């Protein structure tokens, strides 16, 4: 999977957002990354079986549940993360650039 930071930087360049101050640009990139990662996470969860989704929900109820535990669970789930991420990144790009493809 392509590096998300590089991907977002490429989207900004394609959109023509190059002449903004660095602080604003970093804020925009951070917001875009958060939105993209949230969409990828949701798409991966939708690919889980009902049993896996229930197990994950129970794990997430633990206040000590970490991102590392989530990543490990997803890795073991059988979901093709790269495929899901690529699909979501493509949709995100089309929406952001307004290409509608």
Protein backbone atom coordinates (compact mmCIF):
# COMPACT_ATOMS: atom_id res chain seq x y z
CA UNK A 1 0.00 0.00 0.00
CA UNK A 2 1.26 3.45 -0.88
CA UNK A 3 2.40 5.64 2.00
CA UNK A 4 -0.65 7.64 3.10
CA UNK A 5 1.33 10.84 3.68
CA UNK A 6 2.81 10.68 0.19
CA UNK A 7 -0.62 9.87 -1.25
CA UNK A 8 -2.19 12.92 0.38
CA UNK A 9 0.69 15.13 -0.70
CA UNK A 10 0.06 13.94 -4.26
CA UNK A 11 -3.64 14.75 -3.98
CA UNK A 12 -2.86 18.28 -2.84
CA UNK A 13 -0.52 18.75 -5.79
CA UNK A 14 -3.11 17.36 -8.22
CA UNK A 15 -5.69 19.73 -6.76
CA UNK A 16 -3.24 22.61 -7.23
CA UNK A 17 -2.88 23.36 -3.54
CA UNK A 18 0.79 24.22 -3.46
CA UNK A 19 1.06 27.91 -2.52
CA UNK A 20 -0.20 27.83 1.05
CA UNK A 21 1.76 28.39 4.20
CA UNK A 22 3.34 25.26 5.69
CA UNK A 23 1.27 25.34 8.89
CA UNK A 24 -2.02 25.45 6.98
CA UNK A 25 -0.80 22.74 4.63
CA UNK A 26 0.19 20.44 7.50
CA UNK A 27 -3.21 21.00 9.15
CA UNK A 28 -4.98 20.15 5.90
CA UNK A 29 -2.85 17.05 5.38
CA UNK A 30 -3.52 15.90 8.94
CA UNK A 31 -7.27 16.34 8.53
CA UNK A 32 -7.28 14.52 5.19
CA UNK A 33 -5.22 11.66 6.63
CA UNK A 34 -7.58 11.30 9.56
CA UNK A 35 -10.59 11.18 7.22
CA UNK A 36 -8.96 8.69 4.87
CA UNK A 37 -7.80 6.37 7.66
CA UNK A 38 -11.27 6.46 9.22
CA UNK A 39 -12.81 5.45 5.89
CA UNK A 40 -10.30 2.62 5.46
CA UNK A 41 -10.93 1.39 9.00
CA UNK A 42 -14.69 1.38 8.43
CA UNK A 43 -14.36 -0.47 5.14
CA UNK A 44 -12.16 -3.12 6.73
CA UNK A 45 -14.65 -3.62 9.58
CA UNK A 46 -17.48 -4.03 7.05
CA UNK A 47 -15.50 -6.89 5.49
CA UNK A 48 -15.41 -8.83 8.78
CA UNK A 49 -17.77 -11.70 9.39
CA UNK A 50 -20.55 -11.10 11.93
CA UNK A 51 -18.64 -13.23 14.43
CA UNK A 52 -15.43 -11.28 13.88
CA UNK A 53 -17.25 -7.95 14.14
CA UNK A 54 -18.79 -9.00 17.46
CA UNK A 55 -15.41 -10.14 18.75
CA UNK A 56 -13.84 -6.85 17.70
CA UNK A 57 -16.63 -4.84 19.33
CA UNK A 58 -16.09 -6.71 22.57
CA UNK A 59 -12.34 -6.08 22.40
CA UNK A 60 -12.89 -2.38 21.75
CA UNK A 61 -15.01 -2.10 24.90
CA UNK A 62 -11.78 -2.54 26.87
CA UNK A 63 -10.45 0.92 27.71
CA UNK A 64 -6.91 -0.38 27.23
CA UNK A 65 -7.59 -1.53 23.66
CA UNK A 66 -4.85 -0.17 21.41
CA UNK A 67 -4.32 0.54 17.74
CA UNK A 68 -1.68 -2.22 17.74
CA UNK A 69 -4.28 -4.71 18.96
CA UNK A 70 -6.68 -3.55 16.24
CA UNK A 71 -4.00 -3.93 13.58
CA UNK A 72 -3.13 -7.42 14.83
CA UNK A 73 -6.78 -8.47 14.87
CA UNK A 74 -7.33 -7.21 11.32
CA UNK A 75 -4.15 -8.92 10.09
CA UNK A 76 -5.44 -12.24 11.44
CA UNK A 77 -8.99 -11.69 10.14
CA UNK A 78 -8.30 -12.72 6.56
CA UNK A 79 -9.42 -9.35 5.17
CA UNK A 80 -7.23 -8.22 2.28
CA UNK A 81 -6.25 -4.88 3.77
CA UNK A 82 -4.24 -3.73 0.76
CA UNK A 83 -7.18 -4.35 -1.57
CA UNK A 84 -9.64 -2.55 0.71
CA UNK A 85 -7.24 0.37 1.26
CA UNK A 86 -6.58 0.73 -2.48
CA UNK A 87 -10.30 0.80 -3.23
CA UNK A 88 -11.00 3.41 -0.55
CA UNK A 89 -8.01 5.52 -1.56
CA UNK A 90 -9.26 5.54 -5.13
CA UNK A 91 -12.75 6.61 -4.04
CA UNK A 92 -11.26 9.25 -1.74
CA UNK A 93 -9.17 10.59 -4.62
CA UNK A 94 -12.13 10.74 -6.98
CA UNK A 95 -14.25 12.53 -4.41
CA UNK A 96 -11.51 14.97 -3.41
CA UNK A 97 -10.56 15.84 -6.96
CA UNK A 98 -14.17 15.81 -8.12
CA UNK A 99 -13.46 13.42 -10.98
CA UNK A 100 -16.48 11.21 -10.29
CA UNK A 101 -14.76 8.21 -11.83
